[in-house]
Amino acid sequence: MYDMHCTRSNIAFVIYKLSRYTSKLNTDYWKAITRVFGYLKRTIDLGLFYSDFPVVMEGYSDASWMTSSSDNKFILGWIFSFGGGVISWASKKQTCISYSTMESKFIVMLL
């Protein structure tokens, strides 16, 4: 979790998915966890770096409609960067139901 929050934002989604199954781990989840550690070992020189110029805050967001056909809920994600380095990001499954991509984007604007 420290790596995800403080240095390696690119593993946030896989950590989110794997952390949902921590109470019932089996060999498939352990294999996935070791793949994440292998990825981190191979890319040890990568990380968050902040530059002095240009000091601009940028933000991006997106919503995907109906990620699961059983519940019609969508996933909302956003990322903000400052000086070329990521300072905030999230990916969350919403509690409300949307029936189209446009409706999910309107709901995102209201959040």
PDB file of N, CA and C in Angstrom:
ATOM      1  N   MET A   1       0.825  -1.194   0.000  1.00  0.00           N
ATOM      2  CA  MET A   1       0.000   0.000   0.000  1.00  0.00           C
ATOM      3  C   MET A   1       0.871   1.262   0.000  1.00  0.00           C
ATOM      4  N   TYR A   2       2.008   1.235   0.712  1.00  0.00           N
ATOM      5  CA  TYR A   2       2.886   2.404   0.720  1.00  0.00           C
ATOM      6  C   TYR A   2       3.381   2.710  -0.689  1.00  0.00           C
ATOM      7  N   ASP A   3       3.835   1.671  -1.391  1.00  0.00           N
ATOM      8  CA  ASP A   3       4.315   1.887  -2.758  1.00  0.00           C
ATOM      9  C   ASP A   3       3.232   2.498  -3.634  1.00  0.00           C
ATOM     10  N   MET A   4       2.018   2.010  -3.495  1.00  0.00           N
ATOM     11  CA  MET A   4       0.926   2.509  -4.322  1.00  0.00           C
ATOM     12  C   MET A   4       0.637   3.981  -4.032  1.00  0.00           C
ATOM     13  N   HIS A   5       0.569   4.354  -2.777  1.00  0.00           N
ATOM     14  CA  HIS A   5       0.181   5.722  -2.423  1.00  0.00           C
ATOM     15  C   HIS A   5       1.313   6.732  -2.559  1.00  0.00           C
ATOM     16  N   CYS A   6       2.528   6.332  -2.277  1.00  0.00           N
ATOM     17  CA  CYS A   6       3.613   7.305  -2.195  1.00  0.00           C
ATOM     18  C   CYS A   6       4.569   7.313  -3.377  1.00  0.00           C
ATOM     19  N   THR A   7       4.718   6.210  -4.078  1.00  0.00           N
ATOM     20  CA  THR A   7       5.723   6.203  -5.134  1.00  0.00           C
ATOM     21  C   THR A   7       5.243   5.651  -6.466  1.00  0.00           C
ATOM     22  N   ARG A   8       4.336   4.698  -6.482  1.00  0.00           N
ATOM     23  CA  ARG A   8       4.005   3.997  -7.720  1.00  0.00           C
ATOM     24  C   ARG A   8       2.497   3.985  -7.950  1.00  0.00           C
ATOM     25  N   SER A   9       1.974   5.066  -8.461  1.00  0.00           N
ATOM     26  CA  SER A   9       0.531   5.172  -8.682  1.00  0.00           C
ATOM     27  C   SER A   9       0.034   4.245  -9.782  1.00  0.00           C
ATOM     28  N   ASN A  10       0.928   3.740 -10.633  1.00  0.00           N
ATOM     29  CA  ASN A  10       0.502   2.892 -11.734  1.00  0.00           C
ATOM     30  C   ASN A  10       0.049   1.502 -11.289  1.00  0.00           C
ATOM     31  N   ILE A  11       0.291   1.115 -10.045  1.00  0.00           N
ATOM     32  CA  ILE A  11      -0.180  -0.180  -9.573  1.00  0.00           C
ATOM     33  C   ILE A  11      -1.442  -0.065  -8.734  1.00  0.00           C
ATOM     34  N   ALA A  12      -2.050   1.118  -8.687  1.00  0.00           N
ATOM     35  CA  ALA A  12      -3.202   1.349  -7.820  1.00  0.00           C
ATOM     36  C   ALA A  12      -4.377   0.438  -8.160  1.00  0.00           C
ATOM     37  N   PHE A  13      -4.675   0.263  -9.441  1.00  0.00           N
ATOM     38  CA  PHE A  13      -5.846  -0.530  -9.802  1.00  0.00           C
ATOM     39  C   PHE A  13      -5.672  -2.002  -9.432  1.00  0.00           C
ATOM     40  N   VAL A  14      -4.509  -2.563  -9.710  1.00  0.00           N
ATOM     41  CA  VAL A  14      -4.296  -3.976  -9.395  1.00  0.00           C
ATOM     42  C   VAL A  14      -4.266  -4.207  -7.884  1.00  0.00           C
ATOM     43  N   ILE A  15      -3.726  -3.269  -7.133  1.00  0.00           N
ATOM     44  CA  ILE A  15      -3.733  -3.392  -5.668  1.00  0.00           C
ATOM     45  C   ILE A  15      -5.164  -3.300  -5.144  1.00  0.00           C
ATOM     46  N   TYR A  16      -5.957  -2.412  -5.734  1.00  0.00           N
ATOM     47  CA  TYR A  16      -7.371  -2.298  -5.364  1.00  0.00           C
ATOM     48  C   TYR A  16      -8.080  -3.629  -5.599  1.00  0.00           C
ATOM     49  N   LYS A  17      -7.853  -4.238  -6.763  1.00  0.00           N
ATOM     50  CA  LYS A  17      -8.507  -5.509  -7.076  1.00  0.00           C
ATOM     51  C   LYS A  17      -8.035  -6.626  -6.145  1.00  0.00           C
ATOM     52  N   LEU A  18      -6.730  -6.722  -5.908  1.00  0.00           N
ATOM     53  CA  LEU A  18      -6.202  -7.790  -5.066  1.00  0.00           C
ATOM     54  C   LEU A  18      -6.598  -7.624  -3.602  1.00  0.00           C
ATOM     55  N   SER A  19      -6.722  -6.399  -3.132  1.00  0.00           N
ATOM     56  CA  SER A  19      -7.055  -6.187  -1.719  1.00  0.00           C
ATOM     57  C   SER A  19      -8.491  -6.585  -1.396  1.00  0.00           C
ATOM     58  N   ARG A  20      -9.321  -6.758  -2.408  1.00  0.00           N
ATOM     59  CA  ARG A  20     -10.703  -7.200  -2.171  1.00  0.00           C
ATOM     60  C   ARG A  20     -10.754  -8.658  -1.727  1.00  0.00           C
ATOM     61  N   TYR A  21      -9.667  -9.418  -1.930  1.00  0.00           N
ATOM     62  CA  TYR A  21      -9.667 -10.849  -1.641  1.00  0.00           C
ATOM     63  C   TYR A  21      -8.667 -11.242  -0.570  1.00  0.00           C
ATOM     64  N   THR A  22      -8.284 -10.317   0.289  1.00  0.00           N
ATOM     65  CA  THR A  22      -7.264 -10.630   1.289  1.00  0.00           C
ATOM     66  C   THR A  22      -7.742 -11.629   2.331  1.00  0.00           C
ATOM     67  N   SER A  23      -9.031 -11.733   2.556  1.00  0.00           N
ATOM     68  CA  SER A  23      -9.517 -12.663   3.573  1.00  0.00           C
ATOM     69  C   SER A  23      -9.630 -14.093   3.054  1.00  0.00           C
ATOM     70  N   LYS A  24      -9.593 -14.282   1.744  1.00  0.00           N
ATOM     71  CA  LYS A  24      -9.720 -15.638   1.185  1.00  0.00           C
ATOM     72  C   LYS A  24      -8.690 -15.858   0.071  1.00  0.00           C
ATOM     73  N   LEU A  25      -7.426 -15.727   0.418  1.00  0.00           N
ATOM     74  CA  LEU A  25      -6.352 -15.904  -0.558  1.00  0.00           C
ATOM     75  C   LEU A  25      -6.223 -17.366  -0.971  1.00  0.00           C
ATOM     76  N   ASN A  26      -5.983 -17.576  -2.252  1.00  0.00           N
ATOM     77  CA  ASN A  26      -5.653 -18.903  -2.745  1.00  0.00           C
ATOM     78  C   ASN A  26      -4.432 -18.773  -3.649  1.00  0.00           C
ATOM     79  N   THR A  27      -4.033 -19.835  -4.309  1.00  0.00           N
ATOM     80  CA  THR A  27      -2.804 -19.815  -5.093  1.00  0.00           C
ATOM     81  C   THR A  27      -2.868 -18.840  -6.264  1.00  0.00           C
ATOM     82  N   ASP A  28      -4.043 -18.643  -6.855  1.00  0.00           N
ATOM     83  CA  ASP A  28      -4.158 -17.696  -7.968  1.00  0.00           C
ATOM     84  C   ASP A  28      -3.859 -16.262  -7.517  1.00  0.00           C
ATOM     85  N   TYR A  29      -4.345 -15.885  -6.345  1.00  0.00           N
ATOM     86  CA  TYR A  29      -4.093 -14.538  -5.837  1.00  0.00           C
ATOM     87  C   TYR A  29      -2.629 -14.370  -5.448  1.00  0.00           C
ATOM     88  N   TRP A  30      -2.021 -15.421  -4.882  1.00  0.00           N
ATOM     89  CA  TRP A  30      -0.606 -15.340  -4.552  1.00  0.00           C
ATOM     90  C   TRP A  30       0.241 -15.193  -5.808  1.00  0.00           C
ATOM     91  N   LYS A  31      -0.156 -15.863  -6.885  1.00  0.00           N
ATOM     92  CA  LYS A  31       0.560 -15.708  -8.156  1.00  0.00           C
ATOM     93  C   LYS A  31       0.441 -14.274  -8.667  1.00  0.00           C
ATOM     94  N   ALA A  32      -0.749 -13.694  -8.540  1.00  0.00           N
ATOM     95  CA  ALA A  32      -0.948 -12.303  -8.974  1.00  0.00           C
ATOM     96  C   ALA A  32      -0.111 -11.348  -8.126  1.00  0.00           C
ATOM     97  N   ILE A  33      -0.060 -11.597  -6.838  1.00  0.00           N
ATOM     98  CA  ILE A  33       0.732 -10.742  -5.944  1.00  0.00           C
ATOM     99  C   ILE A  33       2.217 -10.840  -6.289  1.00  0.00           C
ATOM    100  N   THR A  34       2.703 -12.060  -6.571  1.00  0.00           N
ATOM    101  CA  THR A  34       4.113 -12.199  -6.929  1.00  0.00           C
ATOM    102  C   THR A  34       4.406 -11.550  -8.284  1.00  0.00           C
ATOM    103  N   ARG A  35       3.428 -11.507  -9.186  1.00  0.00           N
ATOM    104  CA  ARG A  35       3.625 -10.800 -10.456  1.00  0.00           C
ATOM    105  C   ARG A  35       3.767  -9.302 -10.219  1.00  0.00           C
ATOM    106  N   VAL A  36       2.989  -8.763  -9.272  1.00  0.00           N
ATOM    107  CA  VAL A  36       3.110  -7.337  -8.942  1.00  0.00           C
ATOM    108  C   VAL A  36       4.495  -7.058  -8.376  1.00  0.00           C
ATOM    109  N   PHE A  37       4.969  -7.907  -7.458  1.00  0.00           N
ATOM    110  CA  PHE A  37       6.303  -7.713  -6.897  1.00  0.00           C
ATOM    111  C   PHE A  37       7.377  -7.860  -7.967  1.00  0.00           C
ATOM    112  N   GLY A  38       7.193  -8.793  -8.900  1.00  0.00           N
ATOM    113  CA  GLY A  38       8.138  -8.940 -10.003  1.00  0.00           C
ATOM    114  C   GLY A  38       8.173  -7.702 -10.883  1.00  0.00           C
ATOM    115  N   TYR A  39       6.997  -7.128 -11.146  1.00  0.00           N
ATOM    116  CA  TYR A  39       6.930  -5.884 -11.921  1.00  0.00           C
ATOM    117  C   TYR A  39       7.663  -4.759 -11.195  1.00  0.00           C
ATOM    118  N   LEU A  40       7.441  -4.645  -9.897  1.00  0.00           N
ATOM    119  CA  LEU A  40       8.118  -3.600  -9.128  1.00  0.00           C
ATOM    120  C   LEU A  40       9.634  -3.800  -9.132  1.00  0.00           C
ATOM    121  N   LYS A  41      10.071  -5.050  -9.069  1.00  0.00           N
ATOM    122  CA  LYS A  41      11.508  -5.328  -9.088  1.00  0.00           C
ATOM    123  C   LYS A  41      12.127  -4.963 -10.445  1.00  0.00           C
ATOM    124  N   ARG A  42      11.400  -5.279 -11.546  1.00  0.00           N
ATOM    125  CA  ARG A  42      11.933  -4.976 -12.878  1.00  0.00           C
ATOM    126  C   ARG A  42      11.923  -3.484 -13.193  1.00  0.00           C
ATOM    127  N   THR A  43      11.042  -2.739 -12.552  1.00  0.00           N
ATOM    128  CA  THR A  43      10.909  -1.304 -12.844  1.00  0.00           C
ATOM    129  C   THR A  43      11.294  -0.467 -11.634  1.00  0.00           C
ATOM    130  N   ILE A  44      12.322  -0.895 -10.916  1.00  0.00           N
ATOM    131  CA  ILE A  44      12.720  -0.231  -9.673  1.00  0.00           C
ATOM    132  C   ILE A  44      13.203   1.205  -9.901  1.00  0.00           C
ATOM    133  N   ASP A  45      13.679   1.520 -11.101  1.00  0.00           N
ATOM    134  CA  ASP A  45      14.166   2.867 -11.379  1.00  0.00           C
ATOM    135  C   ASP A  45      13.062   3.855 -11.701  1.00  0.00           C
ATOM    136  N   LEU A  46      11.825   3.386 -11.813  1.00  0.00           N
ATOM    137  CA  LEU A  46      10.701   4.282 -12.105  1.00  0.00           C
ATOM    138  C   LEU A  46      10.084   4.788 -10.813  1.00  0.00           C
ATOM    139  N   GLY A  47       9.515   5.971 -10.852  1.00  0.00           N
ATOM    140  CA  GLY A  47       8.878   6.538  -9.668  1.00  0.00           C
ATOM    141  C   GLY A  47       8.293   7.892  -9.987  1.00  0.00           C
ATOM    142  N   LEU A  48       7.844   8.589  -8.971  1.00  0.00           N
ATOM    143  CA  LEU A  48       7.283   9.930  -9.131  1.00  0.00           C
ATOM    144  C   LEU A  48       8.410  10.957  -9.084  1.00  0.00           C
ATOM    145  N   PHE A  49       8.426  11.830 -10.079  1.00  0.00           N
ATOM    146  CA  PHE A  49       9.426  12.887 -10.128  1.00  0.00           C
ATOM    147  C   PHE A  49       8.713  14.206 -10.402  1.00  0.00           C
ATOM    148  N   TYR A  50       9.070  15.243  -9.671  1.00  0.00           N
ATOM    149  CA  TYR A  50       8.462  16.557  -9.835  1.00  0.00           C
ATOM    150  C   TYR A  50       9.485  17.508 -10.441  1.00  0.00           C
ATOM    151  N   SER A  51       9.064  18.233 -11.461  1.00  0.00           N
ATOM    152  CA  SER A  51       9.962  19.184 -12.107  1.00  0.00           C
ATOM    153  C   SER A  51       9.619  20.600 -11.652  1.00  0.00           C
ATOM    154  N   ASP A  52      10.557  21.515 -11.826  1.00  0.00           N
ATOM    155  CA  ASP A  52      10.320  22.897 -11.433  1.00  0.00           C
ATOM    156  C   ASP A  52       9.530  23.669 -12.479  1.00  0.00           C
ATOM    157  N   PHE A  53       9.648  23.282 -13.730  1.00  0.00           N
ATOM    158  CA  PHE A  53       9.014  24.060 -14.780  1.00  0.00           C
ATOM    159  C   PHE A  53       8.345  23.141 -15.773  1.00  0.00           C
ATOM    160  N   PRO A  54       7.179  23.354 -16.237  1.00  0.00           N
ATOM    161  CA  PRO A  54       6.224  24.354 -15.775  1.00  0.00           C
ATOM    162  C   PRO A  54       5.446  23.834 -14.565  1.00  0.00           C
ATOM    163  N   VAL A  55       5.208  24.697 -13.619  1.00  0.00           N
ATOM    164  CA  VAL A  55       4.463  24.327 -12.430  1.00  0.00           C
ATOM    165  C   VAL A  55       2.982  24.539 -12.735  1.00  0.00           C
ATOM    166  N   VAL A  56       2.384  23.522 -13.275  1.00  0.00           N
ATOM    167  CA  VAL A  56       0.977  23.571 -13.689  1.00  0.00           C
ATOM    168  C   VAL A  56       0.260  22.393 -13.060  1.00  0.00           C
ATOM    169  N   MET A  57      -0.942  22.643 -12.539  1.00  0.00           N
ATOM    170  CA  MET A  57      -1.769  21.555 -12.040  1.00  0.00           C
ATOM    171  C   MET A  57      -2.696  21.106 -13.158  1.00  0.00           C
ATOM    172  N   GLU A  58      -2.709  19.812 -13.424  1.00  0.00           N
ATOM    173  CA  GLU A  58      -3.562  19.244 -14.446  1.00  0.00           C
ATOM    174  C   GLU A  58      -4.449  18.186 -13.808  1.00  0.00           C
ATOM    175  N   GLY A  59      -5.671  18.049 -14.318  1.00  0.00           N
ATOM    176  CA  GLY A  59      -6.583  17.034 -13.817  1.00  0.00           C
ATOM    177  C   GLY A  59      -7.315  16.344 -14.953  1.00  0.00           C
ATOM    178  N   TYR A  60      -7.487  15.054 -14.822  1.00  0.00           N
ATOM    179  CA  TYR A  60      -8.199  14.256 -15.815  1.00  0.00           C
ATOM    180  C   TYR A  60      -9.154  13.323 -15.092  1.00  0.00           C
ATOM    181  N   SER A  61     -10.308  13.056 -15.697  1.00  0.00           N
ATOM    182  CA  SER A  61     -11.245  12.102 -15.115  1.00  0.00           C
ATOM    183  C   SER A  61     -11.945  11.338 -16.222  1.00  0.00           C
ATOM    184  N   ASP A  62     -12.486  10.188 -15.850  1.00  0.00           N
ATOM    185  CA  ASP A  62     -13.222   9.377 -16.804  1.00  0.00           C
ATOM    186  C   ASP A  62     -14.147   8.458 -16.031  1.00  0.00           C
ATOM    187  N   ALA A  63     -15.193   8.025 -16.700  1.00  0.00           N
ATOM    188  CA  ALA A  63     -16.132   7.079 -16.113  1.00  0.00           C
ATOM    189  C   ALA A  63     -16.434   6.011 -17.150  1.00  0.00           C
ATOM    190  N   SER A  64     -16.447   4.775 -16.707  1.00  0.00           N
ATOM    191  CA  SER A  64     -16.782   3.685 -17.616  1.00  0.00           C
ATOM    192  C   SER A  64     -18.168   3.159 -17.254  1.00  0.00           C
ATOM    193  N   TRP A  65     -18.955   2.949 -18.244  1.00  0.00           N
ATOM    194  CA  TRP A  65     -20.329   2.526 -18.034  1.00  0.00           C
ATOM    195  C   TRP A  65     -20.408   1.015 -17.947  1.00  0.00           C
ATOM    196  N   MET A  66     -21.174   0.523 -17.004  1.00  0.00           N
ATOM    197  CA  MET A  66     -21.533  -0.879 -16.849  1.00  0.00           C
ATOM    198  C   MET A  66     -20.302  -1.795 -16.901  1.00  0.00           C
ATOM    199  N   THR A  67     -19.480  -1.718 -15.881  1.00  0.00           N
ATOM    200  CA  THR A  67     -18.302  -2.571 -15.820  1.00  0.00           C
ATOM    201  C   THR A  67     -18.669  -4.001 -15.453  1.00  0.00           C
ATOM    202  N   SER A  68     -19.816  -4.179 -14.851  1.00  0.00           N
ATOM    203  CA  SER A  68     -20.286  -5.513 -14.497  1.00  0.00           C
ATOM    204  C   SER A  68     -21.717  -5.668 -14.999  1.00  0.00           C
ATOM    205  N   SER A  69     -21.975  -6.685 -15.781  1.00  0.00           N
ATOM    206  CA  SER A  69     -23.322  -6.854 -16.338  1.00  0.00           C
ATOM    207  C   SER A  69     -24.343  -7.262 -15.285  1.00  0.00           C
ATOM    208  N   SER A  70     -23.877  -7.678 -14.115  1.00  0.00           N
ATOM    209  CA  SER A  70     -24.819  -8.109 -13.077  1.00  0.00           C
ATOM    210  C   SER A  70     -25.407  -6.949 -12.282  1.00  0.00           C
ATOM    211  N   ASP A  71     -24.717  -5.797 -12.228  1.00  0.00           N
ATOM    212  CA  ASP A  71     -25.251  -4.709 -11.403  1.00  0.00           C
ATOM    213  C   ASP A  71     -25.336  -3.351 -12.105  1.00  0.00           C
ATOM    214  N   ASN A  72     -24.847  -3.209 -13.332  1.00  0.00           N
ATOM    215  CA  ASN A  72     -24.910  -1.963 -14.116  1.00  0.00           C
ATOM    216  C   ASN A  72     -24.230  -0.783 -13.436  1.00  0.00           C
ATOM    217  N   LYS A  73     -23.339  -1.012 -12.490  1.00  0.00           N
ATOM    218  CA  LYS A  73     -22.636   0.081 -11.829  1.00  0.00           C
ATOM    219  C   LYS A  73     -21.399   0.442 -12.627  1.00  0.00           C
ATOM    220  N   PHE A  74     -20.931   1.671 -12.465  1.00  0.00           N
ATOM    221  CA  PHE A  74     -19.796   2.127 -13.250  1.00  0.00           C
ATOM    222  C   PHE A  74     -18.625   2.489 -12.357  1.00  0.00           C
ATOM    223  N   ILE A  75     -17.441   2.550 -12.968  1.00  0.00           N
ATOM    224  CA  ILE A  75     -16.222   2.916 -12.244  1.00  0.00           C
ATOM    225  C   ILE A  75     -15.814   4.321 -12.655  1.00  0.00           C
ATOM    226  N   LEU A  76     -15.551   5.150 -11.665  1.00  0.00           N
ATOM    227  CA  LEU A  76     -15.110   6.523 -11.861  1.00  0.00           C
ATOM    228  C   LEU A  76     -13.637   6.606 -11.498  1.00  0.00           C
ATOM    229  N   GLY A  77     -12.870   7.305 -12.306  1.00  0.00           N
ATOM    230  CA  GLY A  77     -11.462   7.480 -11.998  1.00  0.00           C
ATOM    231  C   GLY A  77     -11.013   8.898 -12.281  1.00  0.00           C
ATOM    232  N   TRP A  78     -10.031   9.364 -11.504  1.00  0.00           N
ATOM    233  CA  TRP A  78      -9.453  10.685 -11.766  1.00  0.00           C
ATOM    234  C   TRP A  78      -7.992  10.687 -11.361  1.00  0.00           C
ATOM    235  N   ILE A  79      -7.280  11.652 -11.928  1.00  0.00           N
ATOM    236  CA  ILE A  79      -5.869  11.826 -11.606  1.00  0.00           C
ATOM    237  C   ILE A  79      -5.531  13.310 -11.691  1.00  0.00           C
ATOM    238  N   PHE A  80      -4.766  13.812 -10.728  1.00  0.00           N
ATOM    239  CA  PHE A  80      -4.294  15.191 -10.725  1.00  0.00           C
ATOM    240  C   PHE A  80      -2.773  15.176 -10.618  1.00  0.00           C
ATOM    241  N   SER A  81      -2.129  16.024 -11.410  1.00  0.00           N
ATOM    242  CA  SER A  81      -0.671  16.120 -11.358  1.00  0.00           C
ATOM    243  C   SER A  81      -0.266  17.573 -11.161  1.00  0.00           C
ATOM    244  N   PHE A  82       0.898  17.749 -10.558  1.00  0.00           N
ATOM    245  CA  PHE A  82       1.432  19.074 -10.292  1.00  0.00           C
ATOM    246  C   PHE A  82       2.924  19.031 -10.560  1.00  0.00           C
ATOM    247  N   GLY A  83       3.384  19.888 -11.449  1.00  0.00           N
ATOM    248  CA  GLY A  83       4.799  19.917 -11.790  1.00  0.00           C
ATOM    249  C   GLY A  83       5.274  18.639 -12.451  1.00  0.00           C
ATOM    250  N   GLY A  84       4.400  17.943 -13.139  1.00  0.00           N
ATOM    251  CA  GLY A  84       4.769  16.720 -13.830  1.00  0.00           C
ATOM    252  C   GLY A  84       4.677  15.464 -12.994  1.00  0.00           C
ATOM    253  N   GLY A  85       4.344  15.569 -11.710  1.00  0.00           N
ATOM    254  CA  GLY A  85       4.222  14.392 -10.841  1.00  0.00           C
ATOM    255  C   GLY A  85       2.816  14.255 -10.306  1.00  0.00           C
ATOM    256  N   VAL A  86       2.367  13.043 -10.156  1.00  0.00           N
ATOM    257  CA  VAL A  86       1.008  12.772  -9.691  1.00  0.00           C
ATOM    258  C   VAL A  86       0.899  13.087  -8.207  1.00  0.00           C
ATOM    259  N   ILE A  87      -0.169  13.829  -7.834  1.00  0.00           N
ATOM    260  CA  ILE A  87      -0.380  14.149  -6.422  1.00  0.00           C
ATOM    261  C   ILE A  87      -1.653  13.529  -5.866  1.00  0.00           C
ATOM    262  N   SER A  88      -2.606  13.160  -6.733  1.00  0.00           N
ATOM    263  CA  SER A  88      -3.846  12.549  -6.268  1.00  0.00           C
ATOM    264  C   SER A  88      -4.440  11.709  -7.381  1.00  0.00           C
ATOM    265  N   TRP A  89      -4.965  10.548  -7.021  1.00  0.00           N
ATOM    266  CA  TRP A  89      -5.619   9.685  -7.993  1.00  0.00           C
ATOM    267  C   TRP A  89      -6.589   8.778  -7.256  1.00  0.00           C
ATOM    268  N   ALA A  90      -7.573   8.287  -7.988  1.00  0.00           N
ATOM    269  CA  ALA A  90      -8.538   7.359  -7.403  1.00  0.00           C
ATOM    270  C   ALA A  90      -9.271   6.618  -8.513  1.00  0.00           C
ATOM    271  N   SER A  91      -9.784   5.476  -8.157  1.00  0.00           N
ATOM    272  CA  SER A  91     -10.633   4.677  -9.028  1.00  0.00           C
ATOM    273  C   SER A  91     -11.653   4.009  -8.120  1.00  0.00           C
ATOM    274  N   LYS A  92     -12.927   4.331  -8.313  1.00  0.00           N
ATOM    275  CA  LYS A  92     -13.948   3.842  -7.392  1.00  0.00           C
ATOM    276  C   LYS A  92     -15.155   3.313  -8.148  1.00  0.00           C
ATOM    277  N   LYS A  93     -15.694   2.209  -7.650  1.00  0.00           N
ATOM    278  CA  LYS A  93     -16.951   1.694  -8.184  1.00  0.00           C
ATOM    279  C   LYS A  93     -18.086   2.454  -7.501  1.00  0.00           C
ATOM    280  N   GLN A  94     -18.970   3.018  -8.285  1.00  0.00           N
ATOM    281  CA  GLN A  94     -20.037   3.850  -7.745  1.00  0.00           C
ATOM    282  C   GLN A  94     -21.194   3.007  -7.235  1.00  0.00           C
ATOM    283  N   THR A  95     -21.977   3.586  -6.330  1.00  0.00           N
ATOM    284  CA  THR A  95     -23.105   2.866  -5.744  1.00  0.00           C
ATOM    285  C   THR A  95     -24.385   3.036  -6.550  1.00  0.00           C
ATOM    286  N   CYS A  96     -24.415   4.026  -7.428  1.00  0.00           N
ATOM    287  CA  CYS A  96     -25.621   4.240  -8.224  1.00  0.00           C
ATOM    288  C   CYS A  96     -25.505   3.526  -9.572  1.00  0.00           C
ATOM    289  N   ILE A  97     -26.622   3.377 -10.237  1.00  0.00           N
ATOM    290  CA  ILE A  97     -26.697   2.660 -11.505  1.00  0.00           C
ATOM    291  C   ILE A  97     -26.814   3.664 -12.635  1.00  0.00           C
ATOM    292  N   SER A  98     -26.085   3.424 -13.721  1.00  0.00           N
ATOM    293  CA  SER A  98     -26.232   4.242 -14.921  1.00  0.00           C
ATOM    294  C   SER A  98     -26.569   3.326 -16.090  1.00  0.00           C
ATOM    295  N   TYR A  99     -27.351   3.840 -17.014  1.00  0.00           N
ATOM    296  CA  TYR A  99     -27.804   3.043 -18.145  1.00  0.00           C
ATOM    297  C   TYR A  99     -27.145   3.440 -19.456  1.00  0.00           C
ATOM    298  N   SER A 100     -26.235   4.414 -19.414  1.00  0.00           N
ATOM    299  CA  SER A 100     -25.510   4.811 -20.620  1.00  0.00           C
ATOM    300  C   SER A 100     -24.211   5.507 -20.216  1.00  0.00           C
ATOM    301  N   THR A 101     -23.311   5.623 -21.175  1.00  0.00           N
ATOM    302  CA  THR A 101     -22.056   6.321 -20.928  1.00  0.00           C
ATOM    303  C   THR A 101     -22.315   7.786 -20.604  1.00  0.00           C
ATOM    304  N   MET A 102     -23.224   8.408 -21.324  1.00  0.00           N
ATOM    305  CA  MET A 102     -23.524   9.822 -21.094  1.00  0.00           C
ATOM    306  C   MET A 102     -24.090  10.036 -19.688  1.00  0.00           C
ATOM    307  N   GLU A 103     -24.960   9.155 -19.242  1.00  0.00           N
ATOM    308  CA  GLU A 103     -25.523   9.295 -17.905  1.00  0.00           C
ATOM    309  C   GLU A 103     -24.438   9.142 -16.844  1.00  0.00           C
ATOM    310  N   SER A 104     -23.508   8.223 -17.026  1.00  0.00           N
ATOM    311  CA  SER A 104     -22.436   8.066 -16.044  1.00  0.00           C
ATOM    312  C   SER A 104     -21.544   9.298 -15.985  1.00  0.00           C
ATOM    313  N   LYS A 105     -21.325   9.953 -17.138  1.00  0.00           N
ATOM    314  CA  LYS A 105     -20.504  11.170 -17.156  1.00  0.00           C
ATOM    315  C   LYS A 105     -21.247  12.337 -16.485  1.00  0.00           C
ATOM    316  N   PHE A 106     -22.568  12.421 -16.641  1.00  0.00           N
ATOM    317  CA  PHE A 106     -23.336  13.438 -15.931  1.00  0.00           C
ATOM    318  C   PHE A 106     -23.286  13.211 -14.424  1.00  0.00           C
ATOM    319  N   ILE A 107     -23.369  11.951 -14.005  1.00  0.00           N
ATOM    320  CA  ILE A 107     -23.293  11.654 -12.581  1.00  0.00           C
ATOM    321  C   ILE A 107     -21.921  12.053 -12.031  1.00  0.00           C
ATOM    322  N   VAL A 108     -20.881  11.811 -12.805  1.00  0.00           N
ATOM    323  CA  VAL A 108     -19.523  12.199 -12.390  1.00  0.00           C
ATOM    324  C   VAL A 108     -19.432  13.695 -12.186  1.00  0.00           C
ATOM    325  N   MET A 109     -20.058  14.471 -13.060  1.00  0.00           N
ATOM    326  CA  MET A 109     -20.006  15.936 -12.930  1.00  0.00           C
ATOM    327  C   MET A 109     -20.695  16.388 -11.652  1.00  0.00           C
ATOM    328  N   LEU A 110     -21.684  15.654 -11.169  1.00  0.00           N
ATOM    329  CA  LEU A 110     -22.401  16.029  -9.961  1.00  0.00           C
ATOM    330  C   LEU A 110     -21.667  15.628  -8.688  1.00  0.00           C
ATOM    331  N   LEU A 111     -20.743  14.677  -8.797  1.00  0.00           N
ATOM    332  CA  LEU A 111     -20.024  14.207  -7.605  1.00  0.00           C
ATOM    333  C   LEU A 111     -19.030  15.188  -7.177  1.00  0.00           C
TER     334      LEU A 111
END
